[in-house]
Amino acid sequence: MRSLPKFKTIPKNHTFVAYTNLFLTSIPAKRVQNELYARALHRDPRVMYGMIPGLTKHGDLGAFVLIEEHFEKIMKYVAQKNWDAVYVLLDGFIIYIHRPCPAPTDTSGIEREHGLLRLHGACLMTMFRELDKQGRLNTQNFPGLEYFLRYTIRWIEHAKDRLVGIFHLGSDILPHLDVCKAIAYRLFENQTVEDLNLHLTRIREWVQWLEPRVTESDHDDYAGTKVWVQDCLIREWPWLLLGVKPWYLEGRDHDVSKKGLELNLEEEWSTFSDYRKENPLVPPKGLSWEFKDWSEEERDAHRGGQVYEPSDEEEGDDDDSSDTESMGWGMERSFWKM
């Protein structure tokens, strides 16, 4: 097993990952999202074998089933009141959902998607409430909490815009959104200059840690990484460099104690579970969601006899899939491995 990196300013058992966004996260959460990502790709015909007629939605539906299974796991830890494990699974999920991969979408309607979003919100509210009771809802216990909240809020906002703008649902359909913003403001409003500088110091240490691991063939990718990180900071975290107003000020006018906390996790889970039983998602003709489990004959039956075989360059090493970083534009380099 590869040894974990030893950082000076990045907390123990944590690292950065850089896909479409830059996240400070724990090693366990990183591995959670890597597993979700690898399994989602195995369910996407476009990645595994090219386009297969009649299976154009297979990847999206398969990804949705994957997320449903992920929330089953989350609920097991909720039942055990293991909030650290719940946080890791939710953190890994939100990193995964920001990666370029099959979008978990139910093409039959929005009930399933809306139900999952409310379940996600109820999990968040319950976890935040319990951690707050314990006095542990802070960056001392969860160093990547600001990143987690920032991109959780962004995903909820995107989902809300989709449900309201496309499907014309009411603007209050995801009441936990405002509560998340209020929590972020409460947690981070008093950040000092030293706190902001620590953000930058950790990012620089991580980028410097990458450099000795770069091979000659990786050099251009690493140079691009440094530029990408700088651009990401200016685009996503401009107050660290430019002194503009930070993102969490959006929560200044919201109340932590209202609306979203009314989401009852037990009720949301029961409602969502009942819907899944009545409307199960199953792969075609009883086959597996993951194409790696299909025989050549089964693939050929859905391709009209036109067999696509991935080249050696396209074939990945499954053993490394849960331990490899990606910059989000498809490159997998040796110096990302951990």
C-alpha atoms as a PDB file:
ATOM      1  CA  MET A   1       0.000   0.000   0.000  1.00  0.00           C
ATOM      2  CA  ARG A   2       1.319   3.457  -0.884  1.00  0.00           C
ATOM      3  CA  SER A   3       2.408   5.619   2.041  1.00  0.00           C
ATOM      4  CA  LEU A   4       0.411   8.759   2.701  1.00  0.00           C
ATOM      5  CA  PRO A   5       2.035  12.144   2.084  1.00  0.00           C
ATOM      6  CA  LYS A   6       3.526  13.987   5.056  1.00  0.00           C
ATOM      7  CA  PHE A   7       2.585  17.649   4.992  1.00  0.00           C
ATOM      8  CA  LYS A   8       3.513  20.454   7.362  1.00  0.00           C
ATOM      9  CA  THR A   9       0.438  22.678   7.085  1.00  0.00           C
ATOM     10  CA  ILE A  10      -2.130  20.346   5.526  1.00  0.00           C
ATOM     11  CA  PRO A  11      -3.825  18.415   8.355  1.00  0.00           C
ATOM     12  CA  LYS A  12      -2.955  14.769   8.903  1.00  0.00           C
ATOM     13  CA  ASN A  13      -4.870  12.312   6.708  1.00  0.00           C
ATOM     14  CA  HIS A  14      -5.922  15.132   4.354  1.00  0.00           C
ATOM     15  CA  THR A  15      -4.930  16.257   0.884  1.00  0.00           C
ATOM     16  CA  PHE A  16      -6.177  18.357  -2.005  1.00  0.00           C
ATOM     17  CA  VAL A  17      -7.879  16.954  -5.061  1.00  0.00           C
ATOM     18  CA  ALA A  18      -8.207  18.922  -8.271  1.00  0.00           C
ATOM     19  CA  TYR A  19     -10.880  18.022 -10.773  1.00  0.00           C
ATOM     20  CA  THR A  20     -13.186  20.721 -12.076  1.00  0.00           C
ATOM     21  CA  ASN A  21     -12.717  22.359  -8.658  1.00  0.00           C
ATOM     22  CA  LEU A  22     -10.092  22.336  -5.926  1.00  0.00           C
ATOM     23  CA  PHE A  23     -11.069  20.517  -2.724  1.00  0.00           C
ATOM     24  CA  LEU A  24      -9.349  20.065   0.611  1.00  0.00           C
ATOM     25  CA  THR A  25     -10.603  16.695   1.772  1.00  0.00           C
ATOM     26  CA  SER A  26      -9.723  13.662   3.846  1.00  0.00           C
ATOM     27  CA  ILE A  27      -7.998  10.643   2.320  1.00  0.00           C
ATOM     28  CA  PRO A  28     -11.051   8.435   3.108  1.00  0.00           C
ATOM     29  CA  ALA A  29     -13.415  10.881   1.349  1.00  0.00           C
ATOM     30  CA  LYS A  30     -11.046  11.057  -1.621  1.00  0.00           C
ATOM     31  CA  ARG A  31     -11.192   7.289  -1.932  1.00  0.00           C
ATOM     32  CA  VAL A  32     -14.975   7.308  -1.625  1.00  0.00           C
ATOM     33  CA  GLN A  33     -15.306   9.655  -4.596  1.00  0.00           C
ATOM     34  CA  ASN A  34     -12.689   7.717  -6.585  1.00  0.00           C
ATOM     35  CA  GLU A  35     -14.718   4.544  -6.116  1.00  0.00           C
ATOM     36  CA  LEU A  36     -17.950   6.293  -7.124  1.00  0.00           C
ATOM     37  CA  TYR A  37     -16.257   7.757 -10.189  1.00  0.00           C
ATOM     38  CA  ALA A  38     -14.712   4.455 -11.301  1.00  0.00           C
ATOM     39  CA  ARG A  39     -18.000   2.582 -10.892  1.00  0.00           C
ATOM     40  CA  ALA A  40     -19.920   5.303 -12.730  1.00  0.00           C
ATOM     41  CA  LEU A  41     -17.533   5.048 -15.674  1.00  0.00           C
ATOM     42  CA  HIS A  42     -18.039   1.278 -15.752  1.00  0.00           C
ATOM     43  CA  ARG A  43     -21.750   1.978 -16.246  1.00  0.00           C
ATOM     44  CA  ASP A  44     -21.266   4.436 -19.100  1.00  0.00           C
ATOM     45  CA  PRO A  45     -21.271   2.766 -22.548  1.00  0.00           C
ATOM     46  CA  ARG A  46     -19.623   5.807 -24.115  1.00  0.00           C
ATOM     47  CA  VAL A  47     -16.572   5.301 -21.934  1.00  0.00           C
ATOM     48  CA  MET A  48     -16.438   1.511 -21.947  1.00  0.00           C
ATOM     49  CA  TYR A  49     -17.420   0.539 -25.493  1.00  0.00           C
ATOM     50  CA  GLY A  50     -18.554   3.582 -27.414  1.00  0.00           C
ATOM     51  CA  MET A  51     -22.180   4.365 -28.180  1.00  0.00           C
ATOM     52  CA  ILE A  52     -24.504   1.367 -27.968  1.00  0.00           C
ATOM     53  CA  PRO A  53     -27.883   1.825 -29.714  1.00  0.00           C
ATOM     54  CA  GLY A  54     -30.750   1.655 -27.268  1.00  0.00           C
ATOM     55  CA  LEU A  55     -28.533   2.259 -24.232  1.00  0.00           C
ATOM     56  CA  THR A  56     -27.915   5.994 -24.497  1.00  0.00           C
ATOM     57  CA  LYS A  57     -29.460   6.603 -21.033  1.00  0.00           C
ATOM     58  CA  HIS A  58     -27.841   3.577 -19.408  1.00  0.00           C
ATOM     59  CA  GLY A  59     -24.977   5.598 -17.912  1.00  0.00           C
ATOM     60  CA  ASP A  60     -27.224   8.247 -16.354  1.00  0.00           C
ATOM     61  CA  LEU A  61     -29.645   5.711 -14.900  1.00  0.00           C
ATOM     62  CA  GLY A  62     -26.800   3.501 -13.719  1.00  0.00           C
ATOM     63  CA  ALA A  63     -25.203   6.487 -12.001  1.00  0.00           C
ATOM     64  CA  PHE A  64     -28.496   7.244 -10.251  1.00  0.00           C
ATOM     65  CA  VAL A  65     -28.699   3.684  -8.931  1.00  0.00           C
ATOM     66  CA  LEU A  66     -25.103   4.033  -7.752  1.00  0.00           C
ATOM     67  CA  ILE A  67     -26.009   7.154  -5.765  1.00  0.00           C
ATOM     68  CA  GLU A  68     -29.093   5.454  -4.319  1.00  0.00           C
ATOM     69  CA  GLU A  69     -26.840   2.639  -3.090  1.00  0.00           C
ATOM     70  CA  HIS A  70     -24.459   5.241  -1.670  1.00  0.00           C
ATOM     71  CA  PHE A  71     -27.252   6.794   0.385  1.00  0.00           C
ATOM     72  CA  GLU A  72     -28.221   3.358   1.676  1.00  0.00           C
ATOM     73  CA  LYS A  73     -24.706   3.191   3.096  1.00  0.00           C
ATOM     74  CA  ILE A  74     -25.047   6.695   4.549  1.00  0.00           C
ATOM     75  CA  MET A  75     -28.290   5.736   6.277  1.00  0.00           C
ATOM     76  CA  LYS A  76     -26.614   2.738   7.925  1.00  0.00           C
ATOM     77  CA  TYR A  77     -24.104   5.090   9.553  1.00  0.00           C
ATOM     78  CA  VAL A  78     -26.896   7.498  10.486  1.00  0.00           C
ATOM     79  CA  ALA A  79     -28.588   4.631  12.345  1.00  0.00           C
ATOM     80  CA  GLN A  80     -25.301   4.051  14.201  1.00  0.00           C
ATOM     81  CA  LYS A  81     -24.987   7.808  14.907  1.00  0.00           C
ATOM     82  CA  ASN A  82     -21.530   7.666  13.359  1.00  0.00           C
ATOM     83  CA  TRP A  83     -21.456  11.264  12.146  1.00  0.00           C
ATOM     84  CA  ASP A  84     -17.791  11.202  11.167  1.00  0.00           C
ATOM     85  CA  ALA A  85     -18.525   8.394   8.711  1.00  0.00           C
ATOM     86  CA  VAL A  86     -21.620  10.224   7.437  1.00  0.00           C
ATOM     87  CA  TYR A  87     -19.494  13.314   6.808  1.00  0.00           C
ATOM     88  CA  VAL A  88     -16.879  11.312   4.883  1.00  0.00           C
ATOM     89  CA  LEU A  89     -19.536   9.739   2.649  1.00  0.00           C
ATOM     90  CA  LEU A  90     -21.274  13.068   1.999  1.00  0.00           C
ATOM     91  CA  ASP A  91     -17.923  14.744   1.345  1.00  0.00           C
ATOM     92  CA  GLY A  92     -16.881  12.048  -1.120  1.00  0.00           C
ATOM     93  CA  PHE A  93     -20.273  12.311  -2.804  1.00  0.00           C
ATOM     94  CA  ILE A  94     -20.068  16.077  -3.342  1.00  0.00           C
ATOM     95  CA  ILE A  95     -16.564  15.804  -4.826  1.00  0.00           C
ATOM     96  CA  TYR A  96     -17.768  13.060  -7.162  1.00  0.00           C
ATOM     97  CA  ILE A  97     -20.836  15.012  -8.251  1.00  0.00           C
ATOM     98  CA  HIS A  98     -18.601  17.887  -9.410  1.00  0.00           C
ATOM     99  CA  ARG A  99     -16.514  15.630 -11.649  1.00  0.00           C
ATOM    100  CA  PRO A 100     -17.214  15.251 -15.381  1.00  0.00           C
ATOM    101  CA  CYS A 101     -18.980  11.899 -15.317  1.00  0.00           C
ATOM    102  CA  PRO A 102     -22.419  10.401 -16.019  1.00  0.00           C
ATOM    103  CA  ALA A 103     -24.978  12.655 -14.331  1.00  0.00           C
ATOM    104  CA  PRO A 104     -27.289  10.705 -11.999  1.00  0.00           C
ATOM    105  CA  THR A 105     -30.564  11.364 -13.807  1.00  0.00           C
ATOM    106  CA  ASP A 106     -33.902   9.551 -13.816  1.00  0.00           C
ATOM    107  CA  THR A 107     -35.256  10.090 -17.320  1.00  0.00           C
ATOM    108  CA  SER A 108     -38.740   8.926 -16.342  1.00  0.00           C
ATOM    109  CA  GLY A 109     -39.519  12.063 -14.315  1.00  0.00           C
ATOM    110  CA  ILE A 110     -38.369  14.353 -11.531  1.00  0.00           C
ATOM    111  CA  GLU A 111     -39.919  12.605  -8.507  1.00  0.00           C
ATOM    112  CA  ARG A 112     -36.857  10.446  -7.931  1.00  0.00           C
ATOM    113  CA  GLU A 113     -34.425  13.323  -8.381  1.00  0.00           C
ATOM    114  CA  HIS A 114     -36.423  15.604  -6.080  1.00  0.00           C
ATOM    115  CA  GLY A 115     -36.678  12.832  -3.495  1.00  0.00           C
ATOM    116  CA  LEU A 116     -32.932  12.261  -3.543  1.00  0.00           C
ATOM    117  CA  LEU A 117     -32.267  15.979  -3.120  1.00  0.00           C
ATOM    118  CA  ARG A 118     -34.577  16.181  -0.120  1.00  0.00           C
ATOM    119  CA  LEU A 119     -32.979  13.058   1.368  1.00  0.00           C
ATOM    120  CA  HIS A 120     -29.547  14.615   0.869  1.00  0.00           C
ATOM    121  CA  GLY A 121     -30.785  17.782   2.582  1.00  0.00           C
ATOM    122  CA  ALA A 122     -32.225  15.854   5.512  1.00  0.00           C
ATOM    123  CA  CYS A 123     -28.915  13.991   5.918  1.00  0.00           C
ATOM    124  CA  LEU A 124     -27.059  17.303   5.942  1.00  0.00           C
ATOM    125  CA  MET A 125     -29.383  18.940   8.454  1.00  0.00           C
ATOM    126  CA  THR A 126     -29.284  15.945  10.794  1.00  0.00           C
ATOM    127  CA  MET A 127     -25.502  15.645  10.610  1.00  0.00           C
ATOM    128  CA  PHE A 128     -24.934  19.385  11.142  1.00  0.00           C
ATOM    129  CA  ARG A 129     -27.329  19.448  14.084  1.00  0.00           C
ATOM    130  CA  GLU A 130     -25.698  16.463  15.809  1.00  0.00           C
ATOM    131  CA  LEU A 131     -22.138  17.677  15.226  1.00  0.00           C
ATOM    132  CA  ASP A 132     -23.126  21.114  16.510  1.00  0.00           C
ATOM    133  CA  LYS A 133     -24.549  19.555  19.685  1.00  0.00           C
ATOM    134  CA  GLN A 134     -21.178  17.873  20.211  1.00  0.00           C
ATOM    135  CA  GLY A 135     -19.315  21.138  19.612  1.00  0.00           C
ATOM    136  CA  ARG A 136     -17.505  19.543  16.659  1.00  0.00           C
ATOM    137  CA  LEU A 137     -18.935  21.437  13.684  1.00  0.00           C
ATOM    138  CA  ASN A 138     -15.735  23.331  12.958  1.00  0.00           C
ATOM    139  CA  THR A 139     -12.567  23.204  10.877  1.00  0.00           C
ATOM    140  CA  GLN A 140     -10.561  21.841  13.786  1.00  0.00           C
ATOM    141  CA  ASN A 141     -12.484  18.578  13.496  1.00  0.00           C
ATOM    142  CA  PHE A 142     -13.234  18.806   9.765  1.00  0.00           C
ATOM    143  CA  PRO A 143     -10.442  20.802   8.066  1.00  0.00           C
ATOM    144  CA  GLY A 144     -12.129  20.762   4.662  1.00  0.00           C
ATOM    145  CA  LEU A 145     -15.482  21.982   5.996  1.00  0.00           C
ATOM    146  CA  GLU A 146     -15.432  25.269   4.080  1.00  0.00           C
ATOM    147  CA  TYR A 147     -14.773  23.464   0.800  1.00  0.00           C
ATOM    148  CA  PHE A 148     -17.477  20.924   1.630  1.00  0.00           C
ATOM    149  CA  LEU A 149     -20.074  23.592   2.384  1.00  0.00           C
ATOM    150  CA  ARG A 150     -19.085  25.774  -0.566  1.00  0.00           C
ATOM    151  CA  TYR A 151     -19.544  23.060  -3.169  1.00  0.00           C
ATOM    152  CA  THR A 152     -22.499  21.422  -1.447  1.00  0.00           C
ATOM    153  CA  ILE A 153     -24.312  24.765  -1.648  1.00  0.00           C
ATOM    154  CA  ARG A 154     -23.306  25.177  -5.281  1.00  0.00           C
ATOM    155  CA  TRP A 155     -24.703  21.753  -6.196  1.00  0.00           C
ATOM    156  CA  ILE A 156     -27.975  22.405  -4.344  1.00  0.00           C
ATOM    157  CA  GLU A 157     -28.297  25.768  -6.114  1.00  0.00           C
ATOM    158  CA  HIS A 158     -27.738  24.117  -9.482  1.00  0.00           C
ATOM    159  CA  ALA A 159     -30.323  21.434  -8.703  1.00  0.00           C
ATOM    160  CA  LYS A 160     -32.821  24.034  -7.507  1.00  0.00           C
ATOM    161  CA  ASP A 161     -32.380  26.114 -10.673  1.00  0.00           C
ATOM    162  CA  ARG A 162     -33.028  22.996 -12.738  1.00  0.00           C
ATOM    163  CA  LEU A 163     -36.163  21.981 -10.817  1.00  0.00           C
ATOM    164  CA  VAL A 164     -37.589  25.506 -10.731  1.00  0.00           C
ATOM    165  CA  GLY A 165     -36.499  26.693 -14.165  1.00  0.00           C
ATOM    166  CA  ILE A 166     -37.182  23.565 -16.206  1.00  0.00           C
ATOM    167  CA  PHE A 167     -39.848  21.727 -14.229  1.00  0.00           C
ATOM    168  CA  HIS A 168     -41.500  24.824 -12.683  1.00  0.00           C
ATOM    169  CA  LEU A 169     -41.510  23.582  -9.095  1.00  0.00           C
ATOM    170  CA  GLY A 170     -41.875  26.068  -6.240  1.00  0.00           C
ATOM    171  CA  SER A 171     -38.862  28.110  -5.171  1.00  0.00           C
ATOM    172  CA  ASP A 172     -39.024  26.619  -1.641  1.00  0.00           C
ATOM    173  CA  ILE A 173     -38.580  23.005  -2.770  1.00  0.00           C
ATOM    174  CA  LEU A 174     -35.118  22.657  -1.185  1.00  0.00           C
ATOM    175  CA  PRO A 175     -35.463  24.517   2.131  1.00  0.00           C
ATOM    176  CA  HIS A 176     -32.101  23.324   3.438  1.00  0.00           C
ATOM    177  CA  LEU A 177     -30.249  25.528   0.930  1.00  0.00           C
ATOM    178  CA  ASP A 178     -30.692  28.711   2.970  1.00  0.00           C
ATOM    179  CA  VAL A 179     -29.786  26.885   6.183  1.00  0.00           C
ATOM    180  CA  CYS A 180     -26.511  25.681   4.645  1.00  0.00           C
ATOM    181  CA  LYS A 181     -25.721  29.272   3.674  1.00  0.00           C
ATOM    182  CA  ALA A 182     -26.528  30.477   7.190  1.00  0.00           C
ATOM    183  CA  ILE A 183     -24.317  27.785   8.729  1.00  0.00           C
ATOM    184  CA  ALA A 184     -21.447  28.757   6.428  1.00  0.00           C
ATOM    185  CA  TYR A 185     -21.771  32.408   7.422  1.00  0.00           C
ATOM    186  CA  ARG A 186     -21.879  31.561  11.119  1.00  0.00           C
ATOM    187  CA  LEU A 187     -18.796  29.352  10.845  1.00  0.00           C
ATOM    188  CA  PHE A 188     -16.591  31.556   8.690  1.00  0.00           C
ATOM    189  CA  GLU A 189     -17.650  35.181   9.189  1.00  0.00           C
ATOM    190  CA  ASN A 190     -14.858  35.808  11.683  1.00  0.00           C
ATOM    191  CA  GLN A 191     -12.001  34.396   9.633  1.00  0.00           C
ATOM    192  CA  THR A 192      -8.794  36.348  10.159  1.00  0.00           C
ATOM    193  CA  VAL A 193      -6.046  37.283   7.732  1.00  0.00           C
ATOM    194  CA  GLU A 194      -4.064  34.404   9.235  1.00  0.00           C
ATOM    195  CA  ASP A 195      -6.903  32.004   8.386  1.00  0.00           C
ATOM    196  CA  LEU A 196      -6.945  33.200   4.778  1.00  0.00           C
ATOM    197  CA  ASN A 197      -3.174  32.917   4.505  1.00  0.00           C
ATOM    198  CA  LEU A 198      -3.364  29.357   5.821  1.00  0.00           C
ATOM    199  CA  HIS A 199      -5.606  28.455   2.863  1.00  0.00           C
ATOM    200  CA  LEU A 200      -2.957  29.672   0.443  1.00  0.00           C
ATOM    201  CA  THR A 201      -0.070  28.107   2.358  1.00  0.00           C
ATOM    202  CA  ARG A 202      -1.727  24.700   2.271  1.00  0.00           C
ATOM    203  CA  ILE A 203      -2.441  24.932  -1.454  1.00  0.00           C
ATOM    204  CA  ARG A 204       1.145  25.959  -2.204  1.00  0.00           C
ATOM    205  CA  GLU A 205       2.486  23.109  -0.087  1.00  0.00           C
ATOM    206  CA  TRP A 206       0.334  20.630  -1.983  1.00  0.00           C
ATOM    207  CA  VAL A 207       1.481  21.929  -5.380  1.00  0.00           C
ATOM    208  CA  GLN A 208       5.116  21.788  -4.226  1.00  0.00           C
ATOM    209  CA  TRP A 209       4.571  18.230  -2.996  1.00  0.00           C
ATOM    210  CA  LEU A 210       3.566  17.222  -6.521  1.00  0.00           C
ATOM    211  CA  GLU A 211       6.758  18.502  -8.158  1.00  0.00           C
ATOM    212  CA  PRO A 212       9.287  15.818  -7.049  1.00  0.00           C
ATOM    213  CA  ARG A 213       6.833  13.151  -8.219  1.00  0.00           C
ATOM    214  CA  VAL A 214       6.764  14.471 -11.769  1.00  0.00           C
ATOM    215  CA  THR A 215       8.434  12.365 -14.445  1.00  0.00           C
ATOM    216  CA  GLU A 216       9.736  13.846 -17.686  1.00  0.00           C
ATOM    217  CA  SER A 217       6.603  12.761 -19.535  1.00  0.00           C
ATOM    218  CA  ASP A 218       4.441  14.357 -16.827  1.00  0.00           C
ATOM    219  CA  HIS A 219       6.224  17.704 -16.895  1.00  0.00           C
ATOM    220  CA  ASP A 220       3.813  19.548 -19.194  1.00  0.00           C
ATOM    221  CA  ASP A 221       0.836  18.261 -17.229  1.00  0.00           C
ATOM    222  CA  TYR A 222       2.378  19.453 -13.962  1.00  0.00           C
ATOM    223  CA  ALA A 223       3.129  22.888 -15.436  1.00  0.00           C
ATOM    224  CA  GLY A 224      -0.490  23.052 -16.538  1.00  0.00           C
ATOM    225  CA  THR A 225      -1.553  22.053 -13.036  1.00  0.00           C
ATOM    226  CA  LYS A 226       0.195  25.042 -11.455  1.00  0.00           C
ATOM    227  CA  VAL A 227      -1.495  27.407 -13.901  1.00  0.00           C
ATOM    228  CA  TRP A 228      -4.848  25.686 -13.358  1.00  0.00           C
ATOM    229  CA  VAL A 229      -4.589  26.016  -9.566  1.00  0.00           C
ATOM    230  CA  GLN A 230      -3.791  29.723  -9.866  1.00  0.00           C
ATOM    231  CA  ASP A 231      -6.719  30.237 -12.239  1.00  0.00           C
ATOM    232  CA  CYS A 232      -8.975  28.219  -9.918  1.00  0.00           C
ATOM    233  CA  LEU A 233      -8.057  30.426  -6.960  1.00  0.00           C
ATOM    234  CA  ILE A 234      -8.868  33.576  -8.901  1.00  0.00           C
ATOM    235  CA  ARG A 235     -12.112  32.106 -10.223  1.00  0.00           C
ATOM    236  CA  GLU A 236     -13.383  30.184  -7.183  1.00  0.00           C
ATOM    237  CA  TRP A 237     -11.639  31.742  -4.163  1.00  0.00           C
ATOM    238  CA  PRO A 238     -10.868  35.336  -5.234  1.00  0.00           C
ATOM    239  CA  TRP A 239     -11.012  36.793  -1.695  1.00  0.00           C
ATOM    240  CA  LEU A 240      -7.874  34.819  -0.836  1.00  0.00           C
ATOM    241  CA  LEU A 241      -5.911  36.742  -3.474  1.00  0.00           C
ATOM    242  CA  LEU A 242      -7.902  39.807  -4.456  1.00  0.00           C
ATOM    243  CA  GLY A 243      -9.632  40.866  -1.246  1.00  0.00           C
ATOM    244  CA  VAL A 244     -13.174  40.728  -2.656  1.00  0.00           C
ATOM    245  CA  LYS A 245     -16.173  39.732  -0.543  1.00  0.00           C
ATOM    246  CA  PRO A 246     -16.121  36.039   0.400  1.00  0.00           C
ATOM    247  CA  TRP A 247     -18.766  33.574  -0.734  1.00  0.00           C
ATOM    248  CA  TYR A 248     -20.238  32.897   2.719  1.00  0.00           C
ATOM    249  CA  LEU A 249     -21.600  36.450   3.056  1.00  0.00           C
ATOM    250  CA  GLU A 250     -24.601  35.135   1.102  1.00  0.00           C
ATOM    251  CA  GLY A 251     -25.735  33.498   4.339  1.00  0.00           C
ATOM    252  CA  ARG A 252     -25.747  36.699   6.375  1.00  0.00           C
ATOM    253  CA  ASP A 253     -29.504  37.250   5.998  1.00  0.00           C
ATOM    254  CA  HIS A 254     -30.547  33.628   6.498  1.00  0.00           C
ATOM    255  CA  ASP A 255     -31.584  31.987   9.756  1.00  0.00           C
ATOM    256  CA  VAL A 256     -29.975  28.717  10.831  1.00  0.00           C
ATOM    257  CA  SER A 257     -33.019  27.756  12.893  1.00  0.00           C
ATOM    258  CA  LYS A 258     -35.631  27.942  10.123  1.00  0.00           C
ATOM    259  CA  LYS A 259     -37.151  25.844   7.349  1.00  0.00           C
ATOM    260  CA  GLY A 260     -34.445  23.369   6.337  1.00  0.00           C
ATOM    261  CA  LEU A 261     -34.182  21.983   9.845  1.00  0.00           C
ATOM    262  CA  GLU A 262     -37.799  20.879   9.492  1.00  0.00           C
ATOM    263  CA  LEU A 263     -36.702  18.174   7.047  1.00  0.00           C
ATOM    264  CA  ASN A 264     -37.275  14.908   8.891  1.00  0.00           C
ATOM    265  CA  LEU A 265     -34.663  12.359   7.864  1.00  0.00           C
ATOM    266  CA  GLU A 266     -36.730   9.344   8.862  1.00  0.00           C
ATOM    267  CA  GLU A 267     -39.710  10.574   6.837  1.00  0.00           C
ATOM    268  CA  GLU A 268     -37.616  11.537   3.805  1.00  0.00           C
ATOM    269  CA  TRP A 269     -35.864   8.167   3.795  1.00  0.00           C
ATOM    270  CA  SER A 270     -39.164   6.302   4.141  1.00  0.00           C
ATOM    271  CA  THR A 271     -40.762   8.289   1.302  1.00  0.00           C
ATOM    272  CA  PHE A 272     -37.757   7.824  -0.968  1.00  0.00           C
ATOM    273  CA  SER A 273     -37.482   4.108  -0.177  1.00  0.00           C
ATOM    274  CA  ASP A 274     -41.177   3.559  -0.926  1.00  0.00           C
ATOM    275  CA  TYR A 275     -40.823   5.336  -4.263  1.00  0.00           C
ATOM    276  CA  ARG A 276     -37.843   3.161  -5.184  1.00  0.00           C
ATOM    277  CA  LYS A 277     -39.771  -0.014  -4.382  1.00  0.00           C
ATOM    278  CA  GLU A 278     -42.713   1.088  -6.501  1.00  0.00           C
ATOM    279  CA  ASN A 279     -40.504   2.371  -9.333  1.00  0.00           C
ATOM    280  CA  PRO A 280     -37.361   0.220  -9.403  1.00  0.00           C
ATOM    281  CA  LEU A 281     -34.519   1.037 -11.773  1.00  0.00           C
ATOM    282  CA  VAL A 282     -33.164  -2.149 -13.340  1.00  0.00           C
ATOM    283  CA  PRO A 283     -30.586  -2.722 -16.087  1.00  0.00           C
ATOM    284  CA  PRO A 284     -31.794  -4.115 -19.445  1.00  0.00           C
ATOM    285  CA  LYS A 285     -32.939  -7.740 -19.474  1.00  0.00           C
ATOM    286  CA  GLY A 286     -31.611  -8.465 -16.021  1.00  0.00           C
ATOM    287  CA  LEU A 287     -28.006  -7.681 -16.918  1.00  0.00           C
ATOM    288  CA  SER A 288     -25.561  -5.859 -14.658  1.00  0.00           C
ATOM    289  CA  TRP A 289     -25.377  -2.070 -14.635  1.00  0.00           C
ATOM    290  CA  GLU A 290     -21.615  -2.338 -15.072  1.00  0.00           C
ATOM    291  CA  PHE A 291     -20.501  -3.202 -18.594  1.00  0.00           C
ATOM    292  CA  LYS A 292     -17.381  -4.971 -17.381  1.00  0.00           C
ATOM    293  CA  ASP A 293     -19.732  -7.743 -16.209  1.00  0.00           C
ATOM    294  CA  TRP A 294     -21.250  -8.200 -19.680  1.00  0.00           C
ATOM    295  CA  SER A 295     -20.084 -10.944 -21.997  1.00  0.00           C
ATOM    296  CA  GLU A 296     -19.066 -10.148 -25.574  1.00  0.00           C
ATOM    297  CA  GLU A 297     -22.269 -11.824 -26.751  1.00  0.00           C
ATOM    298  CA  GLU A 298     -24.374  -9.584 -24.520  1.00  0.00           C
ATOM    299  CA  ARG A 299     -22.600  -6.475 -25.766  1.00  0.00           C
ATOM    300  CA  ASP A 300     -22.904  -7.584 -29.380  1.00  0.00           C
ATOM    301  CA  ALA A 301     -26.636  -8.169 -28.958  1.00  0.00           C
ATOM    302  CA  HIS A 302     -27.063  -4.467 -28.176  1.00  0.00           C
ATOM    303  CA  ARG A 303     -24.714  -3.284 -30.905  1.00  0.00           C
ATOM    304  CA  GLY A 304     -26.199  -5.141 -33.825  1.00  0.00           C
ATOM    305  CA  GLY A 305     -23.008  -7.182 -34.150  1.00  0.00           C
ATOM    306  CA  GLN A 306     -20.719  -4.130 -34.365  1.00  0.00           C
ATOM    307  CA  VAL A 307     -18.110  -4.839 -31.725  1.00  0.00           C
ATOM    308  CA  TYR A 308     -16.025  -2.009 -30.293  1.00  0.00           C
ATOM    309  CA  GLU A 309     -12.832  -2.990 -28.513  1.00  0.00           C
ATOM    310  CA  PRO A 310     -10.924  -0.349 -26.510  1.00  0.00           C
ATOM    311  CA  SER A 311      -7.318   0.135 -27.518  1.00  0.00           C
ATOM    312  CA  ASP A 312      -4.498  -0.600 -25.103  1.00  0.00           C
ATOM    313  CA  GLU A 313      -4.212   3.128 -24.368  1.00  0.00           C
ATOM    314  CA  GLU A 314      -7.891   3.311 -23.431  1.00  0.00           C
ATOM    315  CA  GLU A 315      -7.832   0.360 -21.075  1.00  0.00           C
ATOM    316  CA  GLY A 316      -7.322   1.357 -17.440  1.00  0.00           C
ATOM    317  CA  ASP A 317      -5.868  -0.485 -14.495  1.00  0.00           C
ATOM    318  CA  ASP A 318      -8.747  -1.252 -12.158  1.00  0.00           C
ATOM    319  CA  ASP A 319      -6.326  -1.767  -9.265  1.00  0.00           C
ATOM    320  CA  ASP A 320      -5.268   1.881  -9.464  1.00  0.00           C
ATOM    321  CA  SER A 321      -8.700   3.359 -10.109  1.00  0.00           C
ATOM    322  CA  SER A 322      -9.451   4.134  -6.462  1.00  0.00           C
ATOM    323  CA  ASP A 323      -6.008   5.579  -5.846  1.00  0.00           C
ATOM    324  CA  THR A 324      -5.488   7.904  -8.789  1.00  0.00           C
ATOM    325  CA  GLU A 325      -6.061  11.628  -9.056  1.00  0.00           C
ATOM    326  CA  SER A 326      -7.279  13.405 -12.159  1.00  0.00           C
ATOM    327  CA  MET A 327      -7.297  17.049 -13.112  1.00  0.00           C
ATOM    328  CA  GLY A 328     -10.775  16.676 -14.563  1.00  0.00           C
ATOM    329  CA  TRP A 329      -9.831  16.894 -18.223  1.00  0.00           C
ATOM    330  CA  GLY A 330      -9.255  13.162 -18.571  1.00  0.00           C
ATOM    331  CA  MET A 331      -5.530  12.857 -17.814  1.00  0.00           C
ATOM    332  CA  GLU A 332      -4.313  10.279 -15.319  1.00  0.00           C
ATOM    333  CA  ARG A 333      -0.673  10.792 -14.346  1.00  0.00           C
ATOM    334  CA  SER A 334       1.653   8.798 -12.130  1.00  0.00           C
ATOM    335  CA  PHE A 335       2.417  11.715  -9.838  1.00  0.00           C
ATOM    336  CA  TRP A 336      -1.242  11.950  -8.819  1.00  0.00           C
ATOM    337  CA  LYS A 337      -1.224   8.459  -7.359  1.00  0.00           C
ATOM    338  CA  MET A 338      -1.288   8.101  -3.612  1.00  0.00           C
END
